[in-house]
């Protein structure tokens, strides 16, 4: 029985999400382990401050020197959340989709590590928009194991905004992180206690 428990610990509990991910990734790519600073997320094309009702083309790129892209297979994914404004993308490319009030890759978009979008700013240029982006570099093994993800959060101000600027990587543990950890620990404890009783 103990051998079965040990084997079970090495079997991935969840599989990958090549078709994109919704609200379950709003706190990060938790199914792929902890954040890893070896993975970087680069945003190109957004201004330092936005004008009212302007469209800005930008890109999200996931970079990992540890996990090279799987040629011909899965390479990466992302989840984007914003607090205001509008996001558009080229639907004919089929790489991006809107899902659960955010944006993520599609199955076709899982074979790249760069995605192109457009952001239309709010009409109040004295306001701000917070961007939260999770990016995952995947190894193509069809499971959550061996992948590496990271996140970035930043505040894009309007040209007349005078409040606090926010620019940081998301490091804090959310309640979801703690809940997943506690439940996993309880399940593991139960399995071990049951195995030793037998």
N, C-alpha and C. Protein backbone atom coordinates (compact mmCIF):
# COMPACT_ATOMS: atom_id res chain seq x y z
N UNK A 1 0.82 -1.20 0.00
CA UNK A 1 0.00 0.00 0.00
C UNK A 1 0.86 1.26 0.00
N UNK A 2 1.93 1.27 0.78
CA UNK A 2 2.81 2.43 0.84
C UNK A 2 3.42 2.73 -0.52
N UNK A 3 3.72 1.68 -1.30
CA UNK A 3 4.29 1.87 -2.64
C UNK A 3 3.28 2.61 -3.52
N UNK A 4 2.00 2.27 -3.41
CA UNK A 4 0.98 2.95 -4.21
C UNK A 4 0.87 4.42 -3.84
N UNK A 5 0.99 4.73 -2.56
CA UNK A 5 0.95 6.12 -2.11
C UNK A 5 2.11 6.90 -2.70
N UNK A 6 3.30 6.32 -2.64
CA UNK A 6 4.49 7.00 -3.18
C UNK A 6 4.34 7.23 -4.67
N UNK A 7 3.84 6.23 -5.39
CA UNK A 7 3.64 6.38 -6.84
C UNK A 7 2.62 7.48 -7.12
N UNK A 8 1.54 7.51 -6.32
CA UNK A 8 0.50 8.51 -6.52
C UNK A 8 1.02 9.92 -6.35
N UNK A 9 2.02 10.10 -5.49
CA UNK A 9 2.59 11.43 -5.28
C UNK A 9 3.30 11.97 -6.50
N UNK A 10 3.74 11.09 -7.38
CA UNK A 10 4.49 11.53 -8.56
C UNK A 10 3.63 11.60 -9.81
N UNK A 11 2.37 11.24 -9.72
CA UNK A 11 1.47 11.34 -10.86
C UNK A 11 0.84 12.73 -10.86
N UNK A 12 0.91 13.46 -11.96
CA UNK A 12 0.30 14.79 -11.98
C UNK A 12 -1.19 14.71 -11.67
N UNK A 13 -1.65 15.56 -10.75
CA UNK A 13 -3.04 15.55 -10.34
C UNK A 13 -3.90 16.22 -11.40
N UNK A 14 -3.38 17.20 -12.09
CA UNK A 14 -4.15 17.89 -13.11
C UNK A 14 -3.40 17.84 -14.42
N UNK A 15 -4.12 18.04 -15.49
CA UNK A 15 -3.49 18.08 -16.80
C UNK A 15 -3.37 19.53 -17.25
N UNK A 16 -2.73 19.71 -18.37
CA UNK A 16 -2.52 21.06 -18.87
C UNK A 16 -3.83 21.63 -19.43
N UNK A 17 -3.82 22.94 -19.69
CA UNK A 17 -4.99 23.62 -20.25
C UNK A 17 -4.60 24.30 -21.55
N UNK A 18 -4.33 23.50 -22.60
CA UNK A 18 -3.89 24.12 -23.86
C UNK A 18 -4.95 24.98 -24.51
N UNK A 19 -6.23 24.78 -24.15
CA UNK A 19 -7.30 25.55 -24.76
C UNK A 19 -7.60 26.86 -24.07
N UNK A 20 -6.75 27.27 -23.12
CA UNK A 20 -6.96 28.52 -22.40
C UNK A 20 -7.49 28.27 -21.00
N UNK A 21 -7.47 29.31 -20.18
CA UNK A 21 -7.89 29.16 -18.79
C UNK A 21 -8.64 30.39 -18.32
N UNK A 22 -9.66 30.16 -17.50
CA UNK A 22 -10.52 31.23 -17.03
C UNK A 22 -10.21 31.65 -15.61
N UNK A 23 -11.27 31.78 -14.80
CA UNK A 23 -11.13 32.33 -13.46
C UNK A 23 -10.24 31.51 -12.55
N UNK A 24 -10.05 30.23 -12.85
CA UNK A 24 -9.18 29.42 -12.00
C UNK A 24 -7.73 29.90 -12.04
N UNK A 25 -7.39 30.75 -12.99
CA UNK A 25 -6.04 31.31 -13.06
C UNK A 25 -6.00 32.77 -12.61
N UNK A 26 -7.06 33.26 -11.99
CA UNK A 26 -7.06 34.66 -11.56
C UNK A 26 -6.09 34.93 -10.41
N UNK A 27 -5.62 33.90 -9.74
CA UNK A 27 -4.59 34.06 -8.71
C UNK A 27 -3.25 33.50 -9.16
N UNK A 28 -3.15 33.11 -10.42
CA UNK A 28 -1.91 32.56 -10.93
C UNK A 28 -2.10 31.16 -11.47
N UNK A 29 -1.04 30.63 -12.05
CA UNK A 29 -1.07 29.28 -12.64
C UNK A 29 -0.75 28.26 -11.56
N UNK A 30 -1.58 28.20 -10.54
CA UNK A 30 -1.29 27.42 -9.33
C UNK A 30 -1.13 25.94 -9.60
N UNK A 31 -1.79 25.42 -10.63
CA UNK A 31 -1.67 24.00 -10.94
C UNK A 31 -0.27 23.65 -11.46
N UNK A 32 0.51 24.65 -11.80
CA UNK A 32 1.85 24.43 -12.34
C UNK A 32 2.92 24.71 -11.28
N UNK A 33 2.57 24.62 -10.01
CA UNK A 33 3.53 24.86 -8.95
C UNK A 33 3.64 26.34 -8.62
N UNK A 34 4.72 26.70 -7.94
CA UNK A 34 4.91 28.08 -7.52
C UNK A 34 5.48 28.94 -8.63
N UNK A 35 5.41 30.24 -8.42
CA UNK A 35 6.00 31.18 -9.36
C UNK A 35 7.49 30.91 -9.51
N UNK A 36 7.99 31.21 -10.68
CA UNK A 36 9.42 31.00 -10.93
C UNK A 36 9.98 32.21 -11.66
N UNK A 37 10.99 32.83 -11.06
CA UNK A 37 11.56 34.05 -11.64
C UNK A 37 12.35 33.77 -12.92
N UNK A 38 12.59 32.50 -13.25
CA UNK A 38 13.25 32.18 -14.52
C UNK A 38 12.35 32.48 -15.71
N UNK A 39 11.06 32.58 -15.47
CA UNK A 39 10.12 32.95 -16.52
C UNK A 39 9.83 34.44 -16.40
N UNK A 40 9.92 35.14 -17.52
CA UNK A 40 9.66 36.57 -17.53
C UNK A 40 8.50 36.88 -18.47
N UNK A 41 7.79 37.95 -18.13
CA UNK A 41 6.69 38.42 -18.97
C UNK A 41 7.05 39.82 -19.44
N UNK A 42 7.12 39.99 -20.74
CA UNK A 42 7.43 41.30 -21.30
C UNK A 42 6.22 41.86 -22.03
N UNK A 43 5.95 43.14 -21.76
CA UNK A 43 4.84 43.86 -22.40
C UNK A 43 5.45 44.96 -23.26
N UNK A 44 5.13 44.95 -24.52
CA UNK A 44 5.65 45.96 -25.45
C UNK A 44 4.48 46.71 -26.08
N UNK A 45 4.60 48.03 -26.21
CA UNK A 45 3.64 48.81 -26.97
C UNK A 45 2.72 49.70 -26.17
N UNK A 46 2.61 49.49 -24.86
CA UNK A 46 1.75 50.36 -24.07
C UNK A 46 2.50 51.65 -23.73
N UNK A 47 1.80 52.77 -23.64
CA UNK A 47 2.47 54.04 -23.34
C UNK A 47 2.78 54.15 -21.84
N UNK A 48 3.53 55.17 -21.47
CA UNK A 48 3.76 55.45 -20.05
C UNK A 48 2.49 55.98 -19.40
N UNK A 49 1.66 56.70 -20.18
CA UNK A 49 0.37 57.22 -19.71
C UNK A 49 -0.55 57.29 -20.92
N UNK A 50 -1.83 56.99 -20.71
CA UNK A 50 -2.75 56.94 -21.85
C UNK A 50 -3.54 58.23 -22.03
N UNK A 51 -3.87 58.51 -23.28
CA UNK A 51 -4.82 59.57 -23.63
C UNK A 51 -6.22 58.97 -23.61
N UNK A 52 -7.24 59.81 -23.58
CA UNK A 52 -8.62 59.33 -23.56
C UNK A 52 -8.98 58.61 -24.85
N UNK A 53 -9.69 57.50 -24.71
CA UNK A 53 -10.26 56.76 -25.85
C UNK A 53 -9.27 56.51 -26.98
N UNK A 54 -8.07 56.12 -26.63
CA UNK A 54 -7.05 55.82 -27.64
C UNK A 54 -6.83 54.32 -27.70
N UNK A 55 -6.54 53.83 -28.90
CA UNK A 55 -6.24 52.41 -29.07
C UNK A 55 -4.72 52.24 -29.16
N UNK A 56 -4.21 51.32 -28.36
CA UNK A 56 -2.77 51.03 -28.32
C UNK A 56 -2.56 49.55 -28.62
N UNK A 57 -1.77 49.28 -29.64
CA UNK A 57 -1.40 47.90 -29.94
C UNK A 57 -0.26 47.49 -29.01
N UNK A 58 -0.39 46.31 -28.43
CA UNK A 58 0.66 45.84 -27.53
C UNK A 58 0.81 44.33 -27.64
N UNK A 59 1.88 43.82 -27.09
CA UNK A 59 2.13 42.38 -27.12
C UNK A 59 2.48 41.88 -25.73
N UNK A 60 2.14 40.64 -25.48
CA UNK A 60 2.54 39.91 -24.27
C UNK A 60 3.48 38.80 -24.71
N UNK A 61 4.66 38.74 -24.11
CA UNK A 61 5.60 37.68 -24.45
C UNK A 61 6.06 36.97 -23.18
N UNK A 62 6.04 35.66 -23.22
CA UNK A 62 6.55 34.83 -22.13
C UNK A 62 7.94 34.34 -22.54
N UNK A 63 8.92 34.60 -21.68
CA UNK A 63 10.31 34.26 -21.99
C UNK A 63 10.84 33.33 -20.91
N UNK A 64 11.41 32.20 -21.33
CA UNK A 64 12.07 31.28 -20.40
C UNK A 64 13.28 30.69 -21.07
N UNK A 65 14.45 30.87 -20.41
CA UNK A 65 15.67 30.26 -20.92
C UNK A 65 15.84 28.85 -20.36
N UNK A 66 15.01 28.50 -19.36
CA UNK A 66 15.08 27.18 -18.74
C UNK A 66 14.25 26.17 -19.52
N UNK A 67 13.08 26.60 -20.00
CA UNK A 67 12.19 25.71 -20.75
C UNK A 67 12.15 26.18 -22.20
N UNK A 68 12.92 25.53 -23.06
CA UNK A 68 12.89 25.94 -24.47
C UNK A 68 11.54 25.60 -25.08
N UNK A 69 11.11 26.36 -26.08
CA UNK A 69 9.84 26.05 -26.74
C UNK A 69 9.86 24.65 -27.34
N UNK A 70 8.76 23.93 -27.19
CA UNK A 70 8.61 22.60 -27.78
C UNK A 70 8.28 22.80 -29.25
N UNK A 71 9.24 22.53 -30.11
CA UNK A 71 9.02 22.75 -31.55
C UNK A 71 7.88 21.86 -32.04
N UNK A 72 6.87 22.50 -32.62
CA UNK A 72 5.72 21.76 -33.14
C UNK A 72 4.72 21.38 -32.07
N UNK A 73 4.92 21.81 -30.84
CA UNK A 73 4.00 21.46 -29.76
C UNK A 73 3.68 22.64 -28.88
N UNK A 74 3.22 22.36 -27.67
CA UNK A 74 2.85 23.41 -26.72
C UNK A 74 4.07 24.23 -26.32
N UNK A 75 3.85 25.54 -26.18
CA UNK A 75 4.94 26.42 -25.80
C UNK A 75 4.60 27.28 -24.59
N UNK A 76 3.36 27.79 -24.52
CA UNK A 76 3.05 28.68 -23.41
C UNK A 76 1.61 29.12 -23.40
N UNK A 77 1.27 29.88 -22.38
CA UNK A 77 -0.07 30.41 -22.25
C UNK A 77 -0.07 31.64 -21.37
N UNK A 78 -1.21 32.33 -21.32
CA UNK A 78 -1.31 33.54 -20.51
C UNK A 78 -2.73 33.76 -20.05
N UNK A 79 -2.88 34.61 -19.06
CA UNK A 79 -4.17 35.10 -18.57
C UNK A 79 -4.00 36.58 -18.31
N UNK A 80 -4.87 37.42 -18.88
CA UNK A 80 -4.81 38.88 -18.76
C UNK A 80 -6.08 39.39 -18.12
N UNK A 81 -5.93 40.24 -17.13
CA UNK A 81 -7.06 40.91 -16.48
C UNK A 81 -6.78 42.41 -16.46
N UNK A 82 -7.81 43.22 -16.73
CA UNK A 82 -7.68 44.67 -16.63
C UNK A 82 -8.88 45.21 -15.84
N UNK A 83 -8.70 46.37 -15.25
CA UNK A 83 -9.78 46.95 -14.44
C UNK A 83 -10.64 47.94 -15.20
N UNK A 84 -10.22 48.38 -16.37
CA UNK A 84 -11.01 49.32 -17.16
C UNK A 84 -10.50 49.30 -18.59
N UNK A 85 -11.25 49.91 -19.50
CA UNK A 85 -10.85 49.94 -20.89
C UNK A 85 -11.33 48.69 -21.62
N UNK A 86 -10.88 48.52 -22.86
CA UNK A 86 -11.31 47.41 -23.70
C UNK A 86 -10.10 46.73 -24.33
N UNK A 87 -10.21 45.43 -24.50
CA UNK A 87 -9.17 44.64 -25.16
C UNK A 87 -9.76 44.10 -26.46
N UNK A 88 -8.99 44.19 -27.53
CA UNK A 88 -9.36 43.60 -28.81
C UNK A 88 -8.18 42.77 -29.31
N UNK A 89 -8.48 41.85 -30.22
CA UNK A 89 -7.44 41.01 -30.82
C UNK A 89 -7.95 40.52 -32.17
N UNK A 90 -7.05 40.02 -32.97
CA UNK A 90 -7.39 39.54 -34.30
C UNK A 90 -8.02 38.15 -34.17
N UNK A 91 -9.35 38.09 -34.31
CA UNK A 91 -10.03 36.81 -34.15
C UNK A 91 -9.69 35.82 -35.26
N UNK A 92 -9.32 36.33 -36.44
CA UNK A 92 -9.01 35.42 -37.56
C UNK A 92 -7.74 34.63 -37.30
N UNK A 93 -6.84 35.13 -36.46
CA UNK A 93 -5.63 34.37 -36.12
C UNK A 93 -5.96 33.19 -35.22
N UNK A 94 -6.99 33.34 -34.41
CA UNK A 94 -7.41 32.24 -33.54
C UNK A 94 -6.47 31.93 -32.40
N UNK A 95 -5.67 32.91 -31.96
CA UNK A 95 -4.68 32.66 -30.91
C UNK A 95 -5.14 33.08 -29.52
N UNK A 96 -6.17 33.96 -29.46
CA UNK A 96 -6.60 34.58 -28.21
C UNK A 96 -8.11 34.47 -28.11
N UNK A 97 -8.60 34.38 -26.88
CA UNK A 97 -10.04 34.38 -26.65
C UNK A 97 -10.36 35.14 -25.38
N UNK A 98 -11.59 35.66 -25.31
CA UNK A 98 -12.08 36.25 -24.07
C UNK A 98 -12.74 35.13 -23.28
N UNK A 99 -12.43 35.04 -21.99
CA UNK A 99 -12.95 33.96 -21.16
C UNK A 99 -13.07 34.43 -19.72
N UNK A 100 -14.26 34.33 -19.15
CA UNK A 100 -14.49 34.67 -17.74
C UNK A 100 -13.98 36.06 -17.39
N UNK A 101 -14.37 37.05 -18.16
CA UNK A 101 -14.01 38.45 -17.91
C UNK A 101 -12.50 38.71 -17.96
N UNK A 102 -11.81 37.93 -18.73
CA UNK A 102 -10.38 38.12 -18.95
C UNK A 102 -10.03 37.59 -20.33
N UNK A 103 -8.74 37.54 -20.64
CA UNK A 103 -8.29 37.07 -21.95
C UNK A 103 -7.22 36.03 -21.74
N UNK A 104 -7.22 35.04 -22.64
CA UNK A 104 -6.29 33.93 -22.53
C UNK A 104 -6.01 33.36 -23.91
N UNK A 105 -5.06 32.46 -23.98
CA UNK A 105 -4.72 31.81 -25.24
C UNK A 105 -5.81 30.80 -25.63
N UNK A 106 -5.84 30.44 -26.88
CA UNK A 106 -6.65 29.33 -27.37
C UNK A 106 -5.72 28.13 -27.54
N UNK A 107 -6.28 27.02 -28.03
CA UNK A 107 -5.41 25.87 -28.30
C UNK A 107 -4.38 26.19 -29.37
N UNK A 108 -4.80 26.94 -30.40
CA UNK A 108 -3.85 27.37 -31.43
C UNK A 108 -2.84 28.36 -30.85
N UNK A 109 -3.28 29.17 -29.89
CA UNK A 109 -2.39 30.15 -29.26
C UNK A 109 -1.47 29.55 -28.22
N UNK A 110 -1.62 28.26 -27.94
CA UNK A 110 -0.76 27.57 -26.98
C UNK A 110 0.58 27.16 -27.60
N UNK A 111 0.70 27.30 -28.92
CA UNK A 111 1.93 26.89 -29.60
C UNK A 111 2.84 28.07 -29.89
N UNK A 112 2.56 29.21 -29.27
CA UNK A 112 3.42 30.38 -29.38
C UNK A 112 3.69 30.92 -27.98
N UNK A 113 4.62 31.86 -27.86
CA UNK A 113 4.87 32.52 -26.58
C UNK A 113 4.76 34.04 -26.70
N UNK A 114 4.16 34.50 -27.78
CA UNK A 114 3.91 35.94 -27.93
C UNK A 114 2.52 36.12 -28.54
N UNK A 115 1.76 37.06 -27.97
CA UNK A 115 0.39 37.31 -28.40
C UNK A 115 0.21 38.81 -28.60
N UNK A 116 -0.48 39.20 -29.67
CA UNK A 116 -0.70 40.60 -30.01
C UNK A 116 -2.15 40.98 -29.75
N UNK A 117 -2.32 42.11 -29.04
CA UNK A 117 -3.65 42.60 -28.68
C UNK A 117 -3.70 44.11 -28.88
N UNK A 118 -4.89 44.67 -28.67
CA UNK A 118 -5.06 46.13 -28.65
C UNK A 118 -5.80 46.51 -27.38
N UNK A 119 -5.39 47.62 -26.78
CA UNK A 119 -6.04 48.15 -25.59
C UNK A 119 -6.62 49.51 -25.94
N UNK A 120 -7.93 49.69 -25.71
CA UNK A 120 -8.57 50.99 -25.87
C UNK A 120 -8.77 51.58 -24.49
N UNK A 121 -8.21 52.75 -24.27
CA UNK A 121 -8.21 53.36 -22.94
C UNK A 121 -9.58 53.91 -22.57
N UNK A 122 -9.81 54.11 -21.27
CA UNK A 122 -11.06 54.75 -20.82
C UNK A 122 -11.14 56.19 -21.31
N UNK A 123 -12.34 56.77 -21.25
CA UNK A 123 -12.47 58.16 -21.70
C UNK A 123 -12.04 59.16 -20.63
N UNK A 124 -11.76 58.69 -19.42
CA UNK A 124 -11.30 59.57 -18.34
C UNK A 124 -9.78 59.43 -18.20
N UNK A 125 -9.04 60.40 -18.73
CA UNK A 125 -7.58 60.29 -18.67
C UNK A 125 -7.00 60.78 -17.34
N UNK A 126 -7.88 61.03 -16.36
CA UNK A 126 -7.41 61.28 -15.00
C UNK A 126 -7.55 60.02 -14.14
N UNK A 127 -7.92 58.90 -14.78
CA UNK A 127 -8.08 57.63 -14.08
C UNK A 127 -6.87 56.74 -14.36
N UNK A 128 -6.99 55.49 -14.03
CA UNK A 128 -5.91 54.53 -14.28
C UNK A 128 -6.52 53.17 -14.60
N UNK A 129 -5.67 52.28 -15.13
CA UNK A 129 -6.07 50.89 -15.40
C UNK A 129 -4.99 49.99 -14.83
N UNK A 130 -5.40 49.04 -14.00
CA UNK A 130 -4.48 48.03 -13.48
C UNK A 130 -4.48 46.82 -14.40
N UNK A 131 -3.30 46.40 -14.81
CA UNK A 131 -3.12 45.20 -15.62
C UNK A 131 -2.54 44.10 -14.74
N UNK A 132 -3.10 42.91 -14.83
CA UNK A 132 -2.54 41.72 -14.19
C UNK A 132 -2.36 40.67 -15.27
N UNK A 133 -1.13 40.17 -15.39
CA UNK A 133 -0.83 39.20 -16.45
C UNK A 133 -0.08 38.03 -15.84
N UNK A 134 -0.59 36.82 -16.11
CA UNK A 134 0.08 35.59 -15.74
C UNK A 134 0.57 34.94 -17.02
N UNK A 135 1.81 34.50 -17.03
CA UNK A 135 2.36 33.84 -18.20
C UNK A 135 3.01 32.53 -17.82
N UNK A 136 2.84 31.52 -18.65
CA UNK A 136 3.33 30.18 -18.36
C UNK A 136 4.18 29.68 -19.52
N UNK A 137 5.39 29.26 -19.23
CA UNK A 137 6.24 28.59 -20.23
C UNK A 137 6.05 27.10 -20.02
N UNK A 138 5.57 26.40 -21.03
CA UNK A 138 5.27 24.98 -20.87
C UNK A 138 6.24 24.12 -21.67
N UNK A 139 6.39 22.88 -21.19
CA UNK A 139 7.37 21.98 -21.79
C UNK A 139 6.77 20.97 -22.76
N UNK A 140 5.45 21.01 -22.93
CA UNK A 140 4.81 20.15 -23.93
C UNK A 140 4.60 18.72 -23.51
N UNK A 141 4.66 18.40 -22.20
CA UNK A 141 4.46 17.01 -21.77
C UNK A 141 3.00 16.68 -21.51
N UNK A 142 2.09 17.58 -21.90
CA UNK A 142 0.65 17.40 -21.75
C UNK A 142 0.18 17.35 -20.30
N UNK A 143 1.02 17.80 -19.38
CA UNK A 143 0.67 17.81 -17.96
C UNK A 143 1.15 19.12 -17.36
N UNK A 144 0.84 19.31 -16.09
CA UNK A 144 1.23 20.55 -15.42
C UNK A 144 2.64 20.49 -14.86
N UNK A 145 3.25 19.33 -14.88
CA UNK A 145 4.58 19.18 -14.28
C UNK A 145 5.67 19.73 -15.20
N UNK A 146 6.67 20.34 -14.59
CA UNK A 146 7.84 20.81 -15.34
C UNK A 146 7.66 22.15 -16.02
N UNK A 147 6.49 22.77 -15.89
CA UNK A 147 6.26 24.09 -16.48
C UNK A 147 6.66 25.17 -15.48
N UNK A 148 6.85 26.40 -15.96
CA UNK A 148 7.22 27.50 -15.07
C UNK A 148 6.41 28.73 -15.43
N UNK A 149 5.85 29.39 -14.42
CA UNK A 149 5.04 30.57 -14.66
C UNK A 149 5.50 31.73 -13.78
N UNK A 150 5.07 32.89 -14.18
CA UNK A 150 5.35 34.09 -13.41
C UNK A 150 4.20 35.07 -13.66
N UNK A 151 4.24 36.20 -13.01
CA UNK A 151 3.18 37.19 -13.15
C UNK A 151 3.72 38.59 -13.03
N UNK A 152 2.97 39.52 -13.54
CA UNK A 152 3.33 40.93 -13.41
C UNK A 152 2.04 41.72 -13.25
N UNK A 153 2.11 42.74 -12.40
CA UNK A 153 0.98 43.64 -12.22
C UNK A 153 1.51 45.07 -12.30
N UNK A 154 0.82 45.90 -13.06
CA UNK A 154 1.25 47.29 -13.15
C UNK A 154 0.04 48.19 -13.37
N UNK A 155 0.21 49.44 -13.03
CA UNK A 155 -0.84 50.44 -13.18
C UNK A 155 -0.48 51.35 -14.35
N UNK A 156 -1.39 51.44 -15.31
CA UNK A 156 -1.21 52.34 -16.45
C UNK A 156 -2.06 53.59 -16.18
N UNK A 157 -1.43 54.73 -15.94
CA UNK A 157 -2.19 55.94 -15.60
C UNK A 157 -2.63 56.69 -16.85
N UNK A 158 -3.68 57.47 -16.68
CA UNK A 158 -4.02 58.45 -17.70
C UNK A 158 -3.07 59.62 -17.59
N UNK A 159 -3.00 60.44 -18.63
CA UNK A 159 -2.04 61.55 -18.65
C UNK A 159 -2.33 62.58 -17.56
N UNK A 160 -3.55 62.64 -17.06
CA UNK A 160 -3.89 63.59 -16.00
C UNK A 160 -4.02 62.93 -14.62
N UNK A 161 -3.69 61.66 -14.53
CA UNK A 161 -3.81 60.95 -13.25
C UNK A 161 -2.72 61.44 -12.29
N UNK A 162 -3.10 61.71 -11.04
CA UNK A 162 -2.14 62.23 -10.06
C UNK A 162 -2.02 61.33 -8.83
N UNK A 163 -2.58 60.15 -8.89
CA UNK A 163 -2.55 59.25 -7.73
C UNK A 163 -1.30 58.38 -7.70
N UNK A 164 -1.42 57.33 -6.91
CA UNK A 164 -0.31 56.39 -6.70
C UNK A 164 -0.08 55.53 -7.93
N UNK A 165 1.18 55.31 -8.23
CA UNK A 165 1.54 54.40 -9.32
C UNK A 165 1.92 53.06 -8.72
N UNK A 166 1.51 52.01 -9.37
CA UNK A 166 1.77 50.66 -8.91
C UNK A 166 2.55 49.95 -9.99
N UNK A 167 3.67 49.37 -9.62
CA UNK A 167 4.46 48.60 -10.58
C UNK A 167 5.24 47.57 -9.80
N UNK A 168 4.78 46.35 -9.88
CA UNK A 168 5.42 45.29 -9.09
C UNK A 168 5.08 43.94 -9.66
N UNK A 169 5.94 42.98 -9.40
CA UNK A 169 5.57 41.60 -9.65
C UNK A 169 4.68 41.16 -8.51
N UNK A 170 3.78 40.25 -8.80
CA UNK A 170 2.85 39.79 -7.78
C UNK A 170 3.56 38.70 -6.99
N UNK A 171 3.86 38.99 -5.73
CA UNK A 171 4.60 38.04 -4.90
C UNK A 171 3.76 37.43 -3.80
N UNK A 172 2.69 38.11 -3.43
CA UNK A 172 1.96 37.70 -2.24
C UNK A 172 1.20 36.41 -2.47
N UNK A 173 1.01 35.65 -1.39
CA UNK A 173 0.16 34.48 -1.44
C UNK A 173 -1.27 34.94 -1.25
N UNK A 174 -2.16 34.44 -2.06
CA UNK A 174 -3.58 34.77 -1.93
C UNK A 174 -4.24 33.73 -1.03
N UNK A 175 -5.47 33.98 -0.59
CA UNK A 175 -6.19 32.97 0.18
C UNK A 175 -6.32 31.65 -0.58
N UNK A 176 -6.41 31.73 -1.91
CA UNK A 176 -6.50 30.50 -2.70
C UNK A 176 -5.23 29.68 -2.57
N UNK A 177 -4.06 30.34 -2.57
CA UNK A 177 -2.80 29.62 -2.40
C UNK A 177 -2.81 28.84 -1.09
N UNK A 178 -3.20 29.51 -0.02
CA UNK A 178 -3.22 28.87 1.28
C UNK A 178 -4.22 27.73 1.32
N UNK A 179 -5.41 27.94 0.75
CA UNK A 179 -6.44 26.90 0.75
C UNK A 179 -5.97 25.66 0.00
N UNK A 180 -5.36 25.86 -1.17
CA UNK A 180 -4.85 24.72 -1.95
C UNK A 180 -3.77 23.99 -1.16
N UNK A 181 -2.88 24.73 -0.52
CA UNK A 181 -1.82 24.10 0.26
C UNK A 181 -2.35 23.31 1.45
N UNK A 182 -3.32 23.88 2.16
CA UNK A 182 -3.88 23.20 3.33
C UNK A 182 -4.63 21.94 2.92
N UNK A 183 -5.46 22.04 1.87
CA UNK A 183 -6.21 20.87 1.40
C UNK A 183 -5.25 19.78 0.94
N UNK A 184 -4.21 20.16 0.20
CA UNK A 184 -3.23 19.17 -0.26
C UNK A 184 -2.53 18.48 0.91
N UNK A 185 -2.17 19.27 1.93
CA UNK A 185 -1.52 18.70 3.11
C UNK A 185 -2.44 17.75 3.85
N UNK A 186 -3.71 18.12 3.99
CA UNK A 186 -4.68 17.24 4.66
C UNK A 186 -4.88 15.94 3.90
N UNK A 187 -5.00 16.02 2.57
CA UNK A 187 -5.18 14.81 1.76
C UNK A 187 -3.95 13.91 1.87
N UNK A 188 -2.77 14.49 1.81
CA UNK A 188 -1.54 13.71 1.93
C UNK A 188 -1.43 13.06 3.29
N UNK A 189 -1.79 13.79 4.34
CA UNK A 189 -1.76 13.23 5.69
C UNK A 189 -2.72 12.06 5.81
N UNK A 190 -3.93 12.23 5.27
CA UNK A 190 -4.92 11.15 5.31
C UNK A 190 -4.41 9.90 4.60
N UNK A 191 -3.82 10.09 3.40
CA UNK A 191 -3.31 8.95 2.62
C UNK A 191 -2.21 8.24 3.39
N UNK A 192 -1.29 9.01 3.98
CA UNK A 192 -0.19 8.39 4.73
C UNK A 192 -0.68 7.66 5.97
N UNK A 193 -1.62 8.27 6.70
CA UNK A 193 -2.15 7.61 7.91
C UNK A 193 -2.88 6.33 7.52
N UNK A 194 -3.66 6.38 6.45
CA UNK A 194 -4.38 5.19 5.99
C UNK A 194 -3.40 4.10 5.55
N UNK A 195 -2.35 4.49 4.86
CA UNK A 195 -1.36 3.53 4.39
C UNK A 195 -0.64 2.85 5.55
N UNK A 196 -0.29 3.61 6.57
CA UNK A 196 0.42 3.03 7.71
C UNK A 196 -0.48 2.15 8.57
N UNK A 197 -1.79 2.43 8.61
CA UNK A 197 -2.72 1.58 9.35
C UNK A 197 -2.83 0.22 8.72
N UNK A 198 -2.80 0.21 7.38
CA UNK A 198 -2.91 -1.05 6.65
C UNK A 198 -1.59 -1.79 6.73
